[in-house]
N, C-alpha and C. Protein backbone atom coordinates (compact mmCIF):
# COMPACT_ATOMS: atom_id res chain seq x y z
N MET A 1 0.76 -1.19 0.01
CA MET A 1 -0.03 0.05 -0.02
C MET A 1 0.94 1.31 -0.04
N THR A 2 1.95 1.26 0.69
CA THR A 2 2.80 2.38 0.71
C THR A 2 3.55 2.67 -0.51
N GLY A 3 3.65 1.57 -1.29
CA GLY A 3 4.50 1.70 -2.56
C GLY A 3 3.62 2.41 -3.49
N SER A 4 2.23 2.10 -3.56
CA SER A 4 1.39 2.98 -4.41
C SER A 4 1.36 4.41 -3.92
N LEU A 5 1.49 4.65 -2.68
CA LEU A 5 1.46 5.99 -2.30
C LEU A 5 2.70 6.83 -2.71
N CYS A 6 3.79 6.12 -2.71
CA CYS A 6 4.97 6.72 -3.14
C CYS A 6 4.91 6.94 -4.69
N LEU A 7 4.36 6.03 -5.29
CA LEU A 7 4.38 6.12 -6.76
C LEU A 7 3.44 7.27 -7.15
N SER A 8 2.32 7.47 -6.59
CA SER A 8 1.47 8.59 -6.93
C SER A 8 2.02 9.95 -6.67
N ARG A 9 3.02 9.99 -5.59
CA ARG A 9 3.58 11.29 -5.48
C ARG A 9 4.59 11.55 -6.48
N SER A 10 5.25 10.57 -6.95
CA SER A 10 6.27 10.81 -8.04
C SER A 10 5.71 11.23 -9.47
N ILE A 11 4.44 10.84 -9.57
CA ILE A 11 3.66 11.17 -10.79
C ILE A 11 3.16 12.63 -10.73
N MET A 12 2.85 13.04 -9.56
CA MET A 12 2.22 14.41 -9.36
C MET A 12 3.26 15.57 -9.84
N ALA A 13 2.79 16.55 -10.49
CA ALA A 13 3.46 17.60 -10.87
C ALA A 13 3.82 18.49 -9.62
N PRO A 14 4.92 19.20 -9.57
CA PRO A 14 5.26 20.11 -8.48
C PRO A 14 4.22 21.23 -8.45
N PRO A 15 3.87 21.85 -7.24
CA PRO A 15 2.81 22.99 -7.16
C PRO A 15 3.39 24.12 -8.08
N VAL A 16 2.36 24.72 -8.48
CA VAL A 16 2.65 26.04 -9.44
C VAL A 16 2.58 27.22 -8.49
N ALA A 17 3.43 28.14 -8.79
CA ALA A 17 3.42 29.35 -8.06
C ALA A 17 2.23 30.24 -8.39
N VAL A 18 1.49 30.64 -7.46
CA VAL A 18 0.06 31.39 -7.66
C VAL A 18 0.41 32.87 -7.69
N SER A 19 -0.14 33.46 -8.81
CA SER A 19 0.03 34.95 -8.78
C SER A 19 -0.40 35.66 -7.69
N PRO A 20 0.37 36.70 -7.24
CA PRO A 20 0.04 37.58 -6.05
C PRO A 20 -1.31 38.22 -6.35
N LEU A 21 -1.64 38.44 -7.60
CA LEU A 21 -2.95 39.10 -7.95
C LEU A 21 -4.12 38.21 -7.72
N ILE A 22 -3.87 36.93 -7.98
CA ILE A 22 -4.84 35.87 -7.79
C ILE A 22 -5.04 35.58 -6.28
N LYS A 23 -3.92 35.65 -5.51
CA LYS A 23 -4.09 35.53 -4.17
C LYS A 23 -4.74 36.59 -3.49
N THR A 24 -4.41 37.80 -3.87
CA THR A 24 -5.21 39.00 -3.39
C THR A 24 -6.65 38.93 -3.61
N ALA A 25 -6.98 38.61 -4.78
CA ALA A 25 -8.40 38.30 -5.23
C ALA A 25 -9.02 37.34 -4.33
N ARG A 26 -8.40 36.12 -4.11
CA ARG A 26 -9.05 35.08 -3.26
C ARG A 26 -9.33 35.57 -1.95
N TRP A 27 -8.26 36.20 -1.25
CA TRP A 27 -8.39 36.68 0.25
C TRP A 27 -9.47 37.90 0.14
N SER A 28 -9.52 38.61 -0.88
CA SER A 28 -10.51 39.80 -1.00
C SER A 28 -11.79 39.02 -0.88
N ALA A 29 -12.12 38.16 -1.81
CA ALA A 29 -13.46 37.37 -2.02
C ALA A 29 -13.83 36.78 -0.73
N LEU A 30 -12.86 36.17 0.01
CA LEU A 30 -13.26 35.55 1.29
C LEU A 30 -13.75 36.61 2.25
N LEU A 31 -12.89 37.67 2.47
CA LEU A 31 -13.27 38.67 3.35
C LEU A 31 -14.55 39.50 3.05
N ILE A 32 -14.86 39.62 1.89
CA ILE A 32 -16.04 40.39 1.31
C ILE A 32 -17.32 39.44 1.66
N GLY A 33 -16.99 37.98 1.51
CA GLY A 33 -18.12 36.97 1.76
C GLY A 33 -18.39 37.01 3.12
N MET A 34 -17.35 37.12 4.04
CA MET A 34 -17.57 37.15 5.45
C MET A 34 -18.37 38.29 6.06
N LEU A 35 -17.90 39.47 5.32
CA LEU A 35 -18.58 40.73 5.75
C LEU A 35 -20.11 40.71 5.38
N TYR A 36 -20.25 40.22 4.11
CA TYR A 36 -21.74 40.01 3.71
C TYR A 36 -22.44 39.14 4.63
N GLY A 37 -21.96 38.01 4.88
CA GLY A 37 -22.60 37.10 5.74
C GLY A 37 -22.99 37.56 7.05
N LYS A 38 -22.07 38.37 7.62
CA LYS A 38 -22.34 38.94 9.01
C LYS A 38 -23.47 39.96 8.73
N GLN A 39 -23.41 40.74 7.76
CA GLN A 39 -24.42 41.73 7.46
C GLN A 39 -25.77 41.16 7.30
N ARG A 40 -25.82 40.03 6.41
CA ARG A 40 -27.16 39.41 6.29
C ARG A 40 -27.59 38.67 7.50
N PHE A 41 -26.71 38.21 8.25
CA PHE A 41 -27.11 37.53 9.58
C PHE A 41 -27.74 38.51 10.48
N ASP A 42 -27.08 39.65 10.53
CA ASP A 42 -27.58 40.93 11.45
C ASP A 42 -29.04 41.31 10.97
N HIS A 43 -29.33 41.31 9.65
CA HIS A 43 -30.48 41.65 9.04
C HIS A 43 -31.61 40.64 9.29
N LEU A 44 -31.32 39.21 9.25
CA LEU A 44 -32.30 38.31 9.53
C LEU A 44 -32.63 37.89 10.78
N LYS A 45 -31.59 38.13 11.80
CA LYS A 45 -31.83 37.72 13.22
C LYS A 45 -33.10 38.31 13.79
N PRO A 46 -33.32 39.59 13.69
CA PRO A 46 -34.56 40.15 14.32
C PRO A 46 -35.80 39.64 13.82
N ILE A 47 -35.73 39.25 12.33
CA ILE A 47 -36.91 38.77 11.70
C ILE A 47 -37.23 37.41 12.33
N ALA A 48 -36.22 36.59 12.49
CA ALA A 48 -36.34 35.24 13.04
C ALA A 48 -36.89 35.28 14.38
N GLU A 49 -36.35 36.19 15.17
CA GLU A 49 -36.78 36.43 16.51
C GLU A 49 -38.23 36.65 16.57
N GLU A 50 -38.76 37.64 15.68
CA GLU A 50 -40.17 38.00 15.78
C GLU A 50 -40.92 36.81 15.44
N GLU A 51 -40.48 35.99 14.42
CA GLU A 51 -41.34 34.80 13.89
C GLU A 51 -41.47 33.81 15.09
N ARG A 52 -40.31 33.69 15.75
CA ARG A 52 -40.31 32.60 16.99
C ARG A 52 -41.31 33.02 18.03
N ARG A 53 -41.34 34.52 18.30
CA ARG A 53 -42.25 35.15 19.24
C ARG A 53 -43.81 34.89 18.86
N VAL A 54 -44.03 35.05 17.62
CA VAL A 54 -45.38 34.93 17.07
C VAL A 54 -45.78 33.51 17.20
N GLU A 55 -44.78 32.61 16.79
CA GLU A 55 -45.06 31.21 16.81
C GLU A 55 -45.36 30.61 18.15
N GLU A 56 -44.72 31.33 19.27
CA GLU A 56 -44.99 30.76 20.71
C GLU A 56 -46.23 31.35 21.04
N ALA A 57 -46.50 32.45 20.79
CA ALA A 57 -47.84 33.13 21.05
C ALA A 57 -49.08 32.13 20.46
N GLU A 58 -48.87 31.83 19.15
CA GLU A 58 -49.83 30.96 18.54
C GLU A 58 -49.92 29.69 19.16
N LYS A 59 -48.74 29.01 19.64
CA LYS A 59 -48.78 27.81 20.37
C LYS A 59 -49.63 27.77 21.49
N LYS A 60 -49.22 28.97 22.46
CA LYS A 60 -49.93 28.91 23.65
C LYS A 60 -51.46 29.10 23.41
N LEU A 61 -51.90 29.71 22.32
CA LEU A 61 -53.38 29.96 22.13
C LEU A 61 -53.91 28.70 21.70
N ARG A 62 -53.08 27.93 20.89
CA ARG A 62 -53.73 26.51 20.35
C ARG A 62 -53.73 25.61 21.44
N GLU A 63 -52.73 25.53 22.36
CA GLU A 63 -52.86 24.77 23.53
C GLU A 63 -53.98 25.05 24.50
N GLU A 64 -54.31 26.29 24.53
CA GLU A 64 -55.51 26.74 25.37
C GLU A 64 -56.76 26.30 24.73
N GLN A 65 -56.90 26.45 23.41
CA GLN A 65 -58.04 26.01 22.78
C GLN A 65 -58.25 24.52 22.92
N GLU A 66 -57.19 23.79 22.82
CA GLU A 66 -57.19 22.29 22.92
C GLU A 66 -57.61 21.94 24.40
N ARG A 67 -57.14 22.69 25.36
CA ARG A 67 -57.61 22.40 26.71
C ARG A 67 -58.98 22.46 26.92
N ILE A 68 -59.55 23.70 26.35
CA ILE A 68 -60.93 24.01 26.48
C ILE A 68 -61.78 23.04 25.77
N TYR A 69 -61.38 22.59 24.61
CA TYR A 69 -62.09 21.60 23.75
C TYR A 69 -62.13 20.22 24.60
N LYS A 70 -60.95 19.89 25.23
CA LYS A 70 -61.03 18.61 26.10
C LYS A 70 -61.96 18.67 27.05
N GLN A 71 -61.98 19.86 27.89
CA GLN A 71 -62.77 19.97 29.01
C GLN A 71 -64.25 19.97 28.57
N LEU A 72 -64.64 20.58 27.39
CA LEU A 72 -65.91 20.39 26.99
C LEU A 72 -66.32 19.12 26.58
N SER A 73 -65.54 18.38 25.75
CA SER A 73 -65.87 17.04 25.41
C SER A 73 -65.80 16.11 26.70
N GLU A 74 -65.17 16.34 27.82
CA GLU A 74 -65.25 15.55 28.86
C GLU A 74 -66.48 15.85 29.73
N ALA A 75 -66.93 17.17 29.61
CA ALA A 75 -68.11 17.55 30.36
C ALA A 75 -69.40 17.12 29.72
N SER A 76 -69.34 17.04 28.39
CA SER A 76 -70.53 16.50 27.55
C SER A 76 -70.69 15.05 27.76
N SER A 77 -69.54 14.36 28.03
CA SER A 77 -69.63 12.84 27.96
C SER A 77 -70.15 12.56 29.59
N ASP A 78 -70.05 13.43 30.56
CA ASP A 78 -70.42 13.06 31.82
C ASP A 78 -71.79 13.38 32.03
N THR A 79 -72.73 12.85 31.36
CA THR A 79 -74.08 13.14 31.53
C THR A 79 -74.93 11.96 32.20
N ILE A 80 -76.08 12.22 32.57
CA ILE A 80 -76.89 11.04 33.34
C ILE A 80 -77.20 10.11 32.21
N LEU A 81 -77.42 10.41 30.95
CA LEU A 81 -78.02 9.64 30.00
C LEU A 81 -77.02 8.61 29.35
N LYS A 82 -76.07 8.14 30.09
CA LYS A 82 -75.15 7.17 29.64
C LYS A 82 -75.74 5.79 29.26
């Protein structure tokens, strides 16, 4: 197994020197992407928090309605006419 590993290394070409312009462009793209991501996250975070708050309020309302429905159905089943 190690013989094939050494064979593949000898076949590979040596690394090519990358132009400083290309390196600068890559790093610039990375940093711009990070800044954009941070800006986008800061924009979406309050929207998501509001959605979670609304969903929590709707969940409480839904649970209250289910509790009332359950009480009504139990009350209607507890009649003398069984």
